[in-house]
Protein backbone atom coordinates (compact mmCIF):
# COMPACT_ATOMS: atom_id res chain seq x y z
CA MET A 1 -16.19 -13.43 3.58
CA VAL A 2 -14.65 -12.47 0.25
CA GLU A 3 -12.45 -15.12 -1.27
CA GLY A 4 -8.78 -14.58 -0.55
CA ALA A 5 -9.39 -11.67 1.80
CA SER A 6 -7.66 -13.04 4.89
CA ARG A 7 -4.72 -11.14 6.32
CA GLY A 8 -1.28 -12.21 7.44
CA PRO A 9 0.88 -14.50 5.29
CA ALA A 10 -1.80 -14.97 2.66
CA ARG A 11 -2.09 -11.25 2.20
CA LYS A 12 1.68 -10.87 1.95
CA ALA A 13 1.76 -13.58 -0.68
CA ARG A 14 -0.67 -11.59 -2.81
CA ALA A 15 1.23 -8.34 -2.51
CA GLY A 16 3.18 -7.44 -5.62
CA LYS A 17 1.34 -9.78 -7.96
CA GLY A 18 0.19 -6.84 -10.03
CA THR A 19 3.60 -5.27 -10.49
CA ALA A 20 4.41 -7.14 -13.67
CA ALA A 21 3.40 -5.51 -16.92
CA GLY A 22 0.77 -8.13 -17.64
CA THR A 23 -2.33 -7.75 -19.69
CA ARG A 24 -4.87 -8.50 -16.96
CA PRO A 25 -5.50 -7.46 -13.35
CA VAL A 26 -4.86 -9.92 -10.54
CA VAL A 27 -8.21 -11.72 -10.77
CA SER A 28 -8.40 -15.49 -10.57
CA ARG A 29 -10.16 -17.48 -13.27
CA ARG A 30 -12.56 -18.86 -10.67
CA ARG A 31 -13.42 -15.38 -9.49
CA GLU A 32 -13.99 -14.03 -12.98
CA LEU A 33 -16.36 -16.81 -13.98
CA GLY A 34 -18.01 -17.28 -10.60
CA ASP A 35 -18.27 -14.01 -8.72
CA VAL A 36 -18.53 -11.70 -11.74
CA SER A 37 -21.78 -12.33 -13.58
CA ALA A 38 -22.20 -11.36 -17.21
CA ARG A 39 -25.05 -9.00 -16.42
CA SER A 40 -23.34 -7.17 -13.56
CA LEU A 41 -20.21 -6.79 -15.68
CA LEU A 42 -22.33 -5.47 -18.54
CA MET A 43 -23.87 -2.87 -16.22
CA THR A 44 -20.38 -1.75 -15.19
CA MET A 45 -19.39 -1.30 -18.84
CA LEU A 46 -22.59 0.56 -19.67
CA GLY A 47 -22.05 3.01 -16.82
CA GLU A 48 -18.34 3.48 -17.34
CA TYR A 49 -18.11 3.66 -21.15
CA VAL A 50 -21.48 3.77 -22.90
CA LEU A 51 -23.07 6.40 -20.64
CA PRO A 52 -20.34 9.05 -21.23
CA GLN A 53 -20.29 8.50 -25.01
CA SER A 54 -24.09 8.79 -25.46
CA ARG A 55 -24.18 6.66 -28.61
CA PRO A 56 -25.34 3.12 -29.44
CA VAL A 57 -23.01 0.13 -29.44
CA TRP A 58 -23.10 -2.95 -31.67
CA THR A 59 -23.82 -6.30 -30.07
CA SER A 60 -20.54 -7.66 -31.43
CA ALA A 61 -18.53 -4.97 -29.60
CA LEU A 62 -20.20 -5.71 -26.27
CA VAL A 63 -19.80 -9.46 -26.79
CA GLU A 64 -16.09 -9.00 -27.54
CA ALA A 65 -15.59 -6.78 -24.49
CA LEU A 66 -17.30 -9.29 -22.20
CA ALA A 67 -15.30 -12.14 -23.73
CA THR A 68 -12.09 -10.64 -22.33
CA PHE A 69 -13.47 -11.51 -18.89
CA GLY A 70 -14.25 -15.11 -19.83
CA VAL A 71 -17.95 -14.47 -20.57
CA GLU A 72 -19.20 -16.75 -23.34
CA GLU A 73 -21.16 -15.27 -26.24
CA LYS A 74 -24.40 -16.98 -25.20
CA SER A 75 -24.15 -15.51 -21.69
CA ALA A 76 -23.32 -12.07 -23.09
CA ARG A 77 -26.36 -12.10 -25.36
CA GLN A 78 -28.56 -13.29 -22.51
CA ALA A 79 -27.27 -10.45 -20.34
CA LEU A 80 -28.15 -7.94 -23.08
CA ALA A 81 -31.64 -9.41 -23.50
CA ARG A 82 -32.28 -9.38 -19.77
CA THR A 83 -31.09 -5.80 -19.38
CA ALA A 84 -33.32 -4.75 -22.26
CA ALA A 85 -36.28 -6.62 -20.75
CA GLU A 86 -35.81 -4.61 -17.56
CA GLY A 87 -36.11 -1.39 -19.54
CA TRP A 88 -32.51 -0.16 -19.35
CA LEU A 89 -31.54 -0.82 -22.99
CA ALA A 90 -33.31 -0.53 -26.35
CA SER A 91 -32.25 -2.39 -29.49
CA GLU A 92 -32.23 -1.22 -33.08
CA ARG A 93 -31.71 -3.53 -36.03
CA ALA A 94 -29.65 -2.64 -39.11
CA GLY A 95 -29.94 -5.53 -41.52
CA ARG A 96 -28.73 -8.60 -39.65
CA ARG A 97 -26.92 -6.56 -37.02
CA VAL A 98 -28.27 -5.13 -33.76
CA CYS A 99 -27.08 -2.12 -31.80
CA TRP A 100 -28.01 -1.09 -28.27
CA ALA A 101 -28.70 2.32 -26.71
CA LEU A 102 -29.53 3.34 -23.17
CA THR A 103 -33.17 4.18 -22.60
CA PRO A 104 -34.03 7.38 -20.65
CA PRO A 105 -34.71 5.32 -17.48
CA GLY A 106 -31.46 3.43 -18.06
CA ARG A 107 -29.53 6.65 -18.44
CA ARG A 108 -31.06 8.06 -15.24
CA MET A 109 -30.36 4.90 -13.31
CA LEU A 110 -26.74 4.70 -14.44
CA THR A 111 -26.17 8.43 -13.87
CA GLU A 112 -27.43 8.16 -10.29
CA GLY A 113 -25.39 5.00 -9.74
CA ALA A 114 -22.26 6.56 -11.20
CA GLN A 115 -22.56 9.58 -8.94
CA ARG A 116 -22.86 7.39 -5.87
CA ILE A 117 -19.99 5.14 -6.94
CA TYR A 118 -17.59 7.94 -7.88
CA ASP A 119 -18.46 10.12 -4.88
CA PHE A 120 -18.23 7.24 -2.44
CA GLY A 121 -15.31 7.52 -0.07
CA SER A 122 -14.51 11.16 -0.80
CA GLY A 123 -14.43 13.47 2.18
CA GLU A 124 -15.23 13.01 5.86
CA ARG A 125 -18.59 14.30 7.08
CA VAL A 126 -18.96 15.95 10.47
CA TRP A 127 -21.37 13.97 12.67
CA ASN A 128 -23.30 15.52 15.55
CA GLY A 129 -24.20 12.21 17.20
CA THR A 130 -27.76 12.05 15.85
CA TRP A 131 -29.15 8.77 14.57
CA LEU A 132 -32.05 8.35 12.17
CA VAL A 133 -34.18 5.41 13.32
CA VAL A 134 -36.82 3.84 11.08
CA LEU A 135 -39.26 1.21 12.33
CA VAL A 136 -40.86 -0.93 9.66
CA SER A 137 -42.46 -4.31 10.21
CA VAL A 138 -42.86 -6.87 7.42
CA PRO A 139 -44.47 -10.28 8.16
CA GLU A 140 -42.17 -13.29 7.88
CA VAL A 141 -44.40 -14.84 5.24
CA LYS A 142 -43.70 -11.92 2.88
CA ARG A 143 -40.12 -12.96 2.26
CA ASP A 144 -39.76 -11.24 -1.08
CA LEU A 145 -40.92 -7.94 0.40
CA ARG A 146 -38.60 -8.36 3.39
CA HIS A 147 -35.72 -8.94 0.98
CA ARG A 148 -36.58 -5.82 -1.01
CA VAL A 149 -36.77 -3.71 2.15
CA ARG A 150 -33.40 -5.01 3.30
CA THR A 151 -31.78 -4.50 -0.08
CA ARG A 152 -33.08 -0.97 -0.58
CA LEU A 153 -32.41 0.29 2.95
CA THR A 154 -28.97 -1.29 3.02
CA TRP A 155 -28.14 0.51 -0.24
CA ALA A 156 -29.27 3.73 1.45
CA GLY A 157 -26.74 3.15 4.27
CA PHE A 158 -29.03 1.70 6.93
CA GLY A 159 -28.19 -1.18 9.26
CA SER A 160 -30.53 -3.33 11.30
CA PRO A 161 -29.54 -4.13 14.92
CA GLU A 162 -32.94 -5.78 15.54
CA PRO A 163 -35.70 -7.10 13.27
CA GLY A 164 -37.84 -4.22 12.06
CA VAL A 165 -35.37 -1.56 13.31
CA TRP A 166 -33.17 0.32 10.83
CA ILE A 167 -30.58 2.92 11.81
CA THR A 168 -28.12 5.28 10.14
CA PRO A 169 -25.97 8.17 11.38
CA ARG A 170 -27.00 9.99 8.19
CA ALA A 171 -30.15 11.86 9.24
CA ASP A 172 -30.39 13.29 5.71
CA ARG A 173 -31.30 9.83 4.42
CA GLU A 174 -34.87 10.13 5.77
CA THR A 175 -36.27 11.35 2.44
CA GLU A 176 -34.65 8.42 0.63
CA ALA A 177 -36.00 5.95 3.21
CA LEU A 178 -39.48 7.44 2.89
CA GLY A 179 -39.31 7.08 -0.88
CA VAL A 180 -38.36 3.41 -0.54
CA LEU A 181 -41.16 2.70 1.92
CA LYS A 182 -43.73 4.48 -0.24
CA GLU A 183 -42.64 2.53 -3.28
CA LEU A 184 -42.98 -0.73 -1.35
CA GLY A 185 -46.35 0.24 0.15
CA LEU A 186 -45.04 0.33 3.74
CA ALA A 187 -44.92 4.05 4.52
CA ASP A 188 -48.30 4.28 6.28
CA ASP A 189 -47.35 1.79 9.00
CA ALA A 190 -43.70 2.79 9.42
CA MET A 191 -42.23 5.31 11.88
CA SER A 192 -39.05 7.38 12.00
CA PHE A 193 -37.19 9.23 14.74
CA ASN A 194 -34.09 11.35 15.19
CA ALA A 195 -32.33 10.32 18.40
CA THR A 196 -29.05 10.20 20.29
CA TYR A 197 -27.83 7.03 21.98
CA GLY A 198 -28.87 6.70 25.63
CA ALA A 199 -27.33 5.20 28.78
CA VAL A 200 -28.45 1.59 28.28
CA GLY A 201 -26.00 -0.73 26.53
CA SER A 202 -23.30 0.70 24.26
CA GLU A 203 -23.29 2.48 20.94
CA ALA A 204 -20.40 0.31 19.78
CA ALA A 205 -22.40 -2.86 20.45
CA MET A 206 -25.35 -1.47 18.51
CA VAL A 207 -23.11 -0.71 15.54
CA ALA A 208 -21.62 -4.23 15.67
CA ARG A 209 -25.10 -5.75 15.58
CA ALA A 210 -26.25 -3.52 12.72
CA TRP A 211 -23.24 -3.95 10.41
CA ASP A 212 -20.60 -6.62 9.90
CA LEU A 213 -17.68 -4.22 9.66
CA SER A 214 -15.09 -6.99 9.84
CA GLU A 215 -16.32 -8.41 6.54
CA VAL A 216 -16.37 -4.94 4.96
CA GLU A 217 -12.80 -4.32 6.09
CA GLU A 218 -11.62 -7.65 4.70
CA ARG A 219 -13.14 -6.74 1.34
CA TYR A 220 -11.33 -3.40 1.47
CA GLU A 221 -8.08 -5.23 2.19
CA ALA A 222 -8.66 -7.52 -0.78
CA PHE A 223 -9.36 -4.49 -3.00
CA ILE A 224 -6.15 -2.81 -1.85
CA ASP A 225 -4.12 -5.96 -2.46
CA GLU A 226 -5.59 -6.41 -5.93
CA PHE A 227 -5.05 -2.93 -7.32
CA THR A 228 -2.11 -1.38 -5.42
CA GLY A 229 0.68 -2.81 -7.56
CA LEU A 230 -1.25 -3.15 -10.81
CA ARG A 231 0.41 -1.46 -13.79
CA PRO A 232 -1.40 -2.40 -17.04
CA ALA A 233 0.93 -2.33 -20.01
CA ASP A 234 -1.29 -1.40 -22.96
CA GLY A 235 -4.73 -0.11 -23.91
CA ALA A 236 -6.45 -3.50 -23.69
CA ALA A 237 -4.95 -4.11 -20.26
CA VAL A 238 -5.97 -0.64 -19.07
CA LEU A 239 -9.54 -1.22 -20.24
CA HIS A 240 -9.59 -4.53 -18.40
CA ALA A 241 -8.08 -3.04 -15.24
CA GLN A 242 -10.37 0.00 -15.21
CA THR A 243 -13.46 -2.16 -15.71
CA MET A 244 -12.51 -4.42 -12.81
CA LEU A 245 -11.57 -1.44 -10.63
CA VAL A 246 -15.02 0.11 -11.05
CA HIS A 247 -16.77 -3.26 -10.90
CA GLU A 248 -15.16 -4.08 -7.56
CA TRP A 249 -15.62 -0.58 -6.15
CA ARG A 250 -19.31 -0.41 -6.99
CA ARG A 251 -19.93 -3.08 -4.32
CA PHE A 252 -18.78 -0.83 -1.50
CA PRO A 253 -21.65 1.70 -1.41
CA PHE A 254 -23.86 -1.31 -0.73
CA LEU A 255 -21.51 -2.94 1.81
CA ASP A 256 -20.10 0.06 3.68
CA PRO A 257 -22.52 2.34 5.57
CA ARG A 258 -19.84 5.07 5.69
CA LEU A 259 -20.01 5.47 9.44
CA PRO A 260 -18.35 8.45 11.14
CA SER A 261 -14.73 7.78 12.09
CA LYS A 262 -15.54 7.63 15.83
CA LEU A 263 -17.73 4.56 15.17
CA LEU A 264 -15.12 2.70 13.09
CA PRO A 265 -12.38 0.31 14.26
CA ALA A 266 -8.88 1.72 14.65
CA GLY A 267 -6.85 1.66 11.43
CA TRP A 268 -9.94 1.37 9.23
CA SER A 269 -8.78 0.50 5.70
CA GLY A 270 -11.73 2.08 3.89
CA ALA A 271 -9.97 5.44 3.61
CA LYS A 272 -6.89 3.87 2.03
CA ALA A 273 -9.05 1.90 -0.40
CA ALA A 274 -10.99 5.03 -1.39
CA GLU A 275 -7.78 6.95 -2.09
CA LEU A 276 -6.53 4.06 -4.21
CA PHE A 277 -9.77 3.88 -6.20
CA HIS A 278 -9.90 7.58 -7.00
CA THR A 279 -6.19 7.70 -7.90
CA ARG A 280 -6.32 4.67 -10.19
CA HIS A 281 -9.62 5.71 -11.78
CA ALA A 282 -8.28 9.14 -12.71
CA GLU A 283 -5.03 7.60 -13.97
CA TRP A 284 -6.62 4.91 -16.15
CA SER A 285 -9.80 6.61 -17.33
CA PRO A 286 -8.48 8.45 -20.44
CA ARG A 287 -6.69 5.40 -21.87
CA ALA A 288 -9.59 3.06 -21.01
CA LEU A 289 -12.08 5.31 -22.82
CA GLU A 290 -9.71 5.58 -25.78
CA ARG A 291 -9.43 1.80 -25.98
CA TRP A 292 -13.23 1.46 -25.71
CA GLU A 293 -13.63 3.84 -28.66
CA GLU A 294 -11.10 1.81 -30.64
CA LEU A 295 -13.00 -1.39 -29.85
CA THR A 296 -16.37 0.03 -30.90
CA GLU A 297 -14.89 1.58 -34.05
CA ASP A 298 -13.42 -1.79 -34.99
CA HIS A 299 -16.97 -3.08 -35.19
CA GLY A 300 -18.13 -0.16 -37.31
CA GLN A 301 -19.75 3.14 -36.39
CA VAL A 302 -23.42 3.05 -35.52
């Protein structure tokens, strides 16, 4: 479970913490240094600020931005080097200084990720009761491959009620699933079906076995508590708040399968969290981008 996500008195105690005109969102020091890694935070910044501007950024600017979240310079530089090694960033030296630009694959990856993050939670899709079922077997000894299958299919919205069985109410995800299985060399032995639930057992029980919706809802509640009352006072605080807003929200496309409302618990908090994200993002985005431009200009134009 997410830290501090329990309901009741603890939740009430958190409410209103963000109402003061502070300079930082309601994020504990432990959470910033533990749960938020330098690299994942860097990826959030690249997608939110560097991608729209389409121009390189000096190392010193990125290091300073990450430092506001408690990331030490050594960790920031390691995150840059790792991201570059994975092919998402390219460096260019100017004397003793280094600037970074997104590579074409990095730009594509961040563009696709941004679309999924920003579109997530908007609109309710009509569901006709059809499930997409994918059967794919991976031997226990191939743990790395099993992990990759789970990671990729979970990101695509699938859940697994039984080993080797993956389901989603989004029948249009078949092409994406096929692409994943081809990439992992599993397509030839896998199978897929479109089906409706039968008379044996219950659909609700299947959903409960495929997804831990209680944990997802607790994370939504924590997100709502963290950002509902937050009112950043100046440009630096807005940049910090917007970065954390997007950083926290980008987890949900991986965690939440976006099930039709008839399959969700009563009073599902995902809709409220989505409304909060889109409202705050639109409200803070102009000032956050302005502050990012100020920060990069302070370190000199590339």
